[in-house]
């Protein structure tokens, strides 16, 4: 195997961070996004329908 056949490592810190966080980070981020959307929807309902 020649040196050009070896995998090249990315020096991009964003790519390294995403690869190191992986699935747990995706799940936590997904839950945070859904929670934010539900919070905004709840506030909108309370604004348009007081007492709901």
C-alpha atoms as a PDB file:
ATOM      1  CA  UNK A   1       0.000   0.000   0.000  1.00  0.00           C
ATOM      2  CA  UNK A   2       1.386   3.356  -1.009  1.00  0.00           C
ATOM      3  CA  UNK A   3       1.177   6.517   1.069  1.00  0.00           C
ATOM      4  CA  UNK A   4      -1.319   8.065  -1.378  1.00  0.00           C
ATOM      5  CA  UNK A   5      -3.737   5.186  -0.668  1.00  0.00           C
ATOM      6  CA  UNK A   6      -3.944   5.935   3.038  1.00  0.00           C
ATOM      7  CA  UNK A   7      -7.023   7.844   4.228  1.00  0.00           C
ATOM      8  CA  UNK A   8      -6.596  11.586   4.508  1.00  0.00           C
ATOM      9  CA  UNK A   9      -7.581  13.116   7.832  1.00  0.00           C
ATOM     10  CA  UNK A  10      -9.640  16.278   7.809  1.00  0.00           C
ATOM     11  CA  UNK A  11      -8.176  19.234   9.636  1.00  0.00           C
ATOM     12  CA  UNK A  12     -11.540  21.007   9.665  1.00  0.00           C
ATOM     13  CA  UNK A  13     -12.545  21.434  13.337  1.00  0.00           C
ATOM     14  CA  UNK A  14     -16.272  21.446  12.492  1.00  0.00           C
ATOM     15  CA  UNK A  15     -16.037  18.070  10.749  1.00  0.00           C
ATOM     16  CA  UNK A  16     -14.007  16.659  13.643  1.00  0.00           C
ATOM     17  CA  UNK A  17     -16.562  17.938  16.163  1.00  0.00           C
ATOM     18  CA  UNK A  18     -19.527  16.494  14.261  1.00  0.00           C
ATOM     19  CA  UNK A  19     -17.808  13.151  13.855  1.00  0.00           C
ATOM     20  CA  UNK A  20     -16.856  12.975  17.537  1.00  0.00           C
ATOM     21  CA  UNK A  21     -20.320  13.941  18.841  1.00  0.00           C
ATOM     22  CA  UNK A  22     -22.250  11.639  16.497  1.00  0.00           C
ATOM     23  CA  UNK A  23     -25.660  10.195  17.289  1.00  0.00           C
ATOM     24  CA  UNK A  24     -26.022  11.417  20.908  1.00  0.00           C
ATOM     25  CA  UNK A  25     -25.426  14.978  19.755  1.00  0.00           C
ATOM     26  CA  UNK A  26     -27.991  14.568  16.996  1.00  0.00           C
ATOM     27  CA  UNK A  27     -30.599  13.263  19.446  1.00  0.00           C
ATOM     28  CA  UNK A  28     -29.957  16.061  21.956  1.00  0.00           C
ATOM     29  CA  UNK A  29     -30.095  18.675  19.206  1.00  0.00           C
ATOM     30  CA  UNK A  30     -33.294  17.194  17.777  1.00  0.00           C
ATOM     31  CA  UNK A  31     -34.962  17.252  21.196  1.00  0.00           C
ATOM     32  CA  UNK A  32     -33.861  20.868  21.700  1.00  0.00           C
ATOM     33  CA  UNK A  33     -35.318  21.917  18.330  1.00  0.00           C
ATOM     34  CA  UNK A  34     -38.631  20.135  18.956  1.00  0.00           C
ATOM     35  CA  UNK A  35     -38.830  21.655  22.449  1.00  0.00           C
ATOM     36  CA  UNK A  36     -38.233  25.126  21.056  1.00  0.00           C
ATOM     37  CA  UNK A  37     -40.917  24.682  18.398  1.00  0.00           C
ATOM     38  CA  UNK A  38     -43.427  23.439  20.975  1.00  0.00           C
ATOM     39  CA  UNK A  39     -42.586  26.353  23.291  1.00  0.00           C
ATOM     40  CA  UNK A  40     -43.143  28.883  20.494  1.00  0.00           C
ATOM     41  CA  UNK A  41     -46.420  27.207  19.483  1.00  0.00           C
ATOM     42  CA  UNK A  42     -47.630  27.231  23.087  1.00  0.00           C
ATOM     43  CA  UNK A  43     -46.815  30.931  23.451  1.00  0.00           C
ATOM     44  CA  UNK A  44     -48.620  31.672  20.170  1.00  0.00           C
ATOM     45  CA  UNK A  45     -51.735  29.805  21.335  1.00  0.00           C
ATOM     46  CA  UNK A  46     -51.680  31.655  24.659  1.00  0.00           C
ATOM     47  CA  UNK A  47     -51.380  34.967  22.794  1.00  0.00           C
ATOM     48  CA  UNK A  48     -54.204  34.348  20.333  1.00  0.00           C
ATOM     49  CA  UNK A  49     -56.471  32.408  22.726  1.00  0.00           C
ATOM     50  CA  UNK A  50     -56.105  33.850  26.243  1.00  0.00           C
ATOM     51  CA  UNK A  51     -57.046  31.422  28.980  1.00  0.00           C
ATOM     52  CA  UNK A  52     -56.377  28.339  26.816  1.00  0.00           C
END
